[in-house]
C-alpha atoms as a PDB file:
ATOM      1  CA  PRO A   1       8.536 -32.190 -91.574  1.00  0.00           C
ATOM      2  CA  THR A   2      10.574 -34.943 -93.192  1.00  0.00           C
ATOM      3  CA  TYR A   3       9.200 -37.407 -90.607  1.00  0.00           C
ATOM      4  CA  ILE A   4       7.307 -37.457 -87.308  1.00  0.00           C
ATOM      5  CA  ASN A   5       9.499 -38.049 -84.237  1.00  0.00           C
ATOM      6  CA  LEU A   6       7.564 -39.789 -81.441  1.00  0.00           C
ATOM      7  CA  ALA A   7       9.185 -39.400 -78.028  1.00  0.00           C
ATOM      8  CA  THR A   8       6.261 -40.437 -75.808  1.00  0.00           C
ATOM      9  CA  ASN A   9       4.657 -43.675 -74.678  1.00  0.00           C
ATOM     10  CA  SER A  10       1.225 -42.239 -75.515  1.00  0.00           C
ATOM     11  CA  PHE A  11      -0.457 -42.513 -78.897  1.00  0.00           C
ATOM     12  CA  VAL A  12       0.181 -39.518 -81.171  1.00  0.00           C
ATOM     13  CA  ALA A  13      -2.058 -38.521 -84.082  1.00  0.00           C
ATOM     14  CA  THR A  14      -0.434 -38.742 -87.504  1.00  0.00           C
ATOM     15  CA  ASN A  15      -1.462 -36.916 -90.660  1.00  0.00           C
ATOM     16  CA  MET A  16      -2.758 -40.202 -92.125  1.00  0.00           C
ATOM     17  CA  ALA A  17      -6.514 -39.599 -92.092  1.00  0.00           C
ATOM     18  CA  VAL A  18      -9.546 -40.337 -94.224  1.00  0.00           C
ATOM     19  CA  THR A  19     -13.192 -39.286 -94.096  1.00  0.00           C
ATOM     20  CA  ILE A  20     -15.989 -41.469 -95.443  1.00  0.00           C
ATOM     21  CA  THR A  21     -19.765 -41.021 -95.507  1.00  0.00           C
ATOM     22  CA  PRO A  22     -21.426 -44.445 -95.387  1.00  0.00           C
ATOM     23  CA  LYS A  23     -24.455 -44.895 -97.622  1.00  0.00           C
ATOM     24  CA  PHE A  24     -26.091 -47.301 -95.161  1.00  0.00           C
ATOM     25  CA  ALA A  25     -26.097 -47.344 -91.356  1.00  0.00           C
ATOM     26  CA  THR A  26     -25.506 -51.112 -91.510  1.00  0.00           C
ATOM     27  CA  SER A  27     -22.365 -50.836 -93.643  1.00  0.00           C
ATOM     28  CA  LYS A  28     -18.941 -52.142 -92.647  1.00  0.00           C
ATOM     29  CA  ILE A  29     -15.919 -49.895 -93.168  1.00  0.00           C
ATOM     30  CA  VAL A  30     -12.728 -51.749 -94.076  1.00  0.00           C
ATOM     31  CA  LEU A  31      -9.620 -49.755 -93.124  1.00  0.00           C
ATOM     32  CA  HIS A  32      -6.135 -50.391 -94.465  1.00  0.00           C
ATOM     33  CA  ALA A  33      -3.048 -48.385 -93.426  1.00  0.00           C
ATOM     34  CA  SER A  34       0.571 -48.600 -94.538  1.00  0.00           C
ATOM     35  CA  TRP A  35       3.644 -46.619 -93.449  1.00  0.00           C
ATOM     36  CA  GLY A  36       7.396 -46.637 -93.006  1.00  0.00           C
ATOM     37  CA  TYR A  37       9.142 -46.287 -89.652  1.00  0.00           C
ATOM     38  CA  TRP A  38      12.512 -46.636 -87.927  1.00  0.00           C
ATOM     39  CA  PHE A  39      14.061 -45.898 -84.555  1.00  0.00           C
ATOM     40  CA  ALA A  40      16.537 -43.153 -83.643  1.00  0.00           C
ATOM     41  CA  SER A  41      18.972 -45.747 -82.282  1.00  0.00           C
ATOM     42  CA  ASP A  42      19.326 -49.498 -82.579  1.00  0.00           C
ATOM     43  CA  SER A  43      17.189 -50.852 -79.772  1.00  0.00           C
ATOM     44  CA  ASN A  44      14.813 -53.555 -78.693  1.00  0.00           C
ATOM     45  CA  ASN A  45      11.698 -51.481 -79.344  1.00  0.00           C
ATOM     46  CA  TYR A  46       8.412 -51.796 -81.231  1.00  0.00           C
ATOM     47  CA  CYS A  47       6.092 -49.641 -83.325  1.00  0.00           C
ATOM     48  CA  ILE A  48       2.541 -49.761 -81.928  1.00  0.00           C
ATOM     49  CA  GLY A  49      -0.297 -48.567 -84.164  1.00  0.00           C
ATOM     50  CA  THR A  50      -4.023 -48.034 -83.957  1.00  0.00           C
ATOM     51  CA  ILE A  51      -6.845 -46.202 -85.715  1.00  0.00           C
ATOM     52  CA  TYR A  52      -9.246 -43.765 -84.108  1.00  0.00           C
ATOM     53  CA  ARG A  53     -12.796 -43.098 -85.310  1.00  0.00           C
ATOM     54  CA  GLY A  54     -13.208 -39.513 -84.162  1.00  0.00           C
ATOM     55  CA  SER A  55     -12.060 -39.650 -80.533  1.00  0.00           C
ATOM     56  CA  SER A  56     -12.679 -43.425 -80.123  1.00  0.00           C
ATOM     57  CA  ASN A  57      -9.715 -45.794 -80.306  1.00  0.00           C
ATOM     58  CA  LEU A  58     -10.567 -48.925 -82.322  1.00  0.00           C
ATOM     59  CA  GLY A  59      -7.630 -50.758 -80.705  1.00  0.00           C
ATOM     60  CA  THR A  60      -8.022 -53.473 -78.102  1.00  0.00           C
ATOM     61  CA  GLY A  61      -6.032 -55.346 -75.479  1.00  0.00           C
ATOM     62  CA  GLY A  62      -3.461 -54.194 -72.977  1.00  0.00           C
ATOM     63  CA  TYR A  63      -1.924 -51.687 -75.370  1.00  0.00           C
ATOM     64  CA  SER A  64      -5.230 -50.488 -76.904  1.00  0.00           C
ATOM     65  CA  ALA A  65      -3.659 -51.220 -80.281  1.00  0.00           C
ATOM     66  CA  LEU A  66      -4.383 -52.838 -83.627  1.00  0.00           C
ATOM     67  CA  THR A  67      -0.742 -53.617 -84.498  1.00  0.00           C
ATOM     68  CA  PHE A  68       2.526 -54.288 -82.719  1.00  0.00           C
ATOM     69  CA  HIS A  69       5.508 -54.266 -85.127  1.00  0.00           C
ATOM     70  CA  GLY A  70       8.991 -55.478 -84.267  1.00  0.00           C
ATOM     71  CA  PRO A  71      11.699 -54.019 -86.510  1.00  0.00           C
ATOM     72  CA  MET A  72      14.401 -55.984 -88.199  1.00  0.00           C
ATOM     73  CA  ARG A  73      17.913 -55.644 -86.820  1.00  0.00           C
ATOM     74  CA  ASN A  74      19.419 -52.932 -87.220  1.00  0.00           C
ATOM     75  CA  SER A  75      16.275 -51.071 -86.101  1.00  0.00           C
ATOM     76  CA  THR A  76      17.651 -47.761 -87.437  1.00  0.00           C
ATOM     77  CA  TYR A  77      16.995 -49.099 -90.952  1.00  0.00           C
ATOM     78  CA  ASN A  78      13.706 -48.397 -92.692  1.00  0.00           C
ATOM     79  CA  ASN A  79      10.921 -50.761 -91.705  1.00  0.00           C
ATOM     80  CA  HIS A  80       7.415 -51.130 -93.063  1.00  0.00           C
ATOM     81  CA  ALA A  81       4.164 -51.573 -91.157  1.00  0.00           C
ATOM     82  CA  MET A  82       0.602 -52.297 -92.225  1.00  0.00           C
ATOM     83  CA  MET A  83      -2.654 -52.731 -90.361  1.00  0.00           C
ATOM     84  CA  GLU A  84      -6.196 -53.601 -91.309  1.00  0.00           C
ATOM     85  CA  THR A  85      -9.419 -53.617 -89.366  1.00  0.00           C
ATOM     86  CA  VAL A  86     -13.165 -53.565 -89.945  1.00  0.00           C
ATOM     87  CA  ASP A  87     -15.349 -50.982 -88.230  1.00  0.00           C
ATOM     88  CA  TYR A  88     -19.135 -50.789 -87.877  1.00  0.00           C
ATOM     89  CA  PRO A  89     -19.829 -47.071 -87.309  1.00  0.00           C
ATOM     90  CA  ALA A  90     -23.655 -47.515 -87.495  1.00  0.00           C
ATOM     91  CA  THR A  91     -24.175 -44.115 -89.108  1.00  0.00           C
ATOM     92  CA  THR A  92     -24.702 -42.397 -92.437  1.00  0.00           C
ATOM     93  CA  ASN A  93     -22.900 -39.287 -91.177  1.00  0.00           C
ATOM     94  CA  SER A  94     -19.435 -38.275 -92.315  1.00  0.00           C
ATOM     95  CA  THR A  95     -16.949 -40.341 -90.308  1.00  0.00           C
ATOM     96  CA  ASN A  96     -13.278 -39.490 -89.776  1.00  0.00           C
ATOM     97  CA  TYR A  97     -10.553 -42.085 -89.202  1.00  0.00           C
ATOM     98  CA  ARG A  98      -6.940 -41.320 -88.273  1.00  0.00           C
ATOM     99  CA  VAL A  99      -3.833 -43.436 -87.634  1.00  0.00           C
ATOM    100  CA  TYR A 100      -2.157 -43.016 -84.249  1.00  0.00           C
ATOM    101  CA  CYS A 101       1.242 -44.443 -83.382  1.00  0.00           C
ATOM    102  CA  ARG A 102       3.663 -44.771 -80.476  1.00  0.00           C
ATOM    103  CA  PRO A 103       6.848 -46.607 -79.561  1.00  0.00           C
ATOM    104  CA  TYR A 104       6.675 -49.431 -77.049  1.00  0.00           C
ATOM    105  CA  ASN A 105       9.258 -47.632 -74.911  1.00  0.00           C
ATOM    106  CA  ALA A 106      10.216 -44.036 -75.761  1.00  0.00           C
ATOM    107  CA  ASN A 107      12.875 -44.131 -73.029  1.00  0.00           C
ATOM    108  CA  VAL A 108      14.826 -46.662 -75.116  1.00  0.00           C
ATOM    109  CA  SER A 109      14.595 -44.930 -78.495  1.00  0.00           C
ATOM    110  CA  ASN A 110      12.328 -42.462 -80.290  1.00  0.00           C
ATOM    111  CA  LEU A 111      10.099 -43.806 -83.045  1.00  0.00           C
ATOM    112  CA  ARG A 112      10.450 -42.042 -86.391  1.00  0.00           C
ATOM    113  CA  PHE A 113       7.349 -42.401 -88.482  1.00  0.00           C
ATOM    114  CA  GLN A 114       6.157 -41.469 -91.971  1.00  0.00           C
ATOM    115  CA  TRP A 115       9.368 -40.583 -93.746  1.00  0.00           C
ATOM    116  CA  GLN A 116       8.484 -38.326 -96.674  1.00  0.00           C
ATOM    117  CA  ALA A 117      10.396 -40.501 -99.176  1.00  0.00           C
ATOM    118  CA  GLN A 118       8.073 -43.454 -98.496  1.00  0.00           C
ATOM    119  CA  VAL A 119       4.388 -43.775 -99.277  1.00  0.00           C
ATOM    120  CA  SER A 120       2.101 -43.696 -96.246  1.00  0.00           C
ATOM    121  CA  PHE A 121      -1.670 -43.956 -96.477  1.00  0.00           C
ATOM    122  CA  LEU A 122      -4.951 -44.785 -94.783  1.00  0.00           C
ATOM    123  CA  GLN A 123      -7.701 -46.188 -97.018  1.00  0.00           C
ATOM    124  CA  ALA A 124     -11.387 -46.667 -96.159  1.00  0.00           C
ATOM    125  CA  MET A 125     -13.793 -48.821 -98.152  1.00  0.00           C
ATOM    126  CA  GLU A 126     -17.506 -49.229 -97.480  1.00  0.00           C
ATOM    127  CA  ILE A 127     -19.110 -52.663 -97.754  1.00  0.00           C
ATOM    128  CA  ALA A 128     -22.911 -52.633 -97.688  1.00  0.00           C
ATOM    129  CA  VAL A 129     -24.440 -55.411 -95.596  1.00  0.00           C
END
């Protein structure tokens, strides 16, 4: 598709994923994600993002999220979001990470995510400790 249309208040898996095999069980994994987004109509809405390790959400707080992005006005314009976090998977097994996203309120406007004309990525870097 040219973009992912999110019409739910639940997190939806994106195709931004990375797999890393830590060399040490004590290693930290630094994760950095970047993507473009916009809303179907101009609205007071937000792009909420998180990263899952397998089936475990790394997000915290009331929204179980790592980021909460407010768009510029007019929110139908292209916006840019980034998030970073550090994970401690405590394993030397292959570990999969994936970006999940959702709008704050899908009843107000659908979130459009990962437009194909913009670069979107998830990067993982191991730091031995």
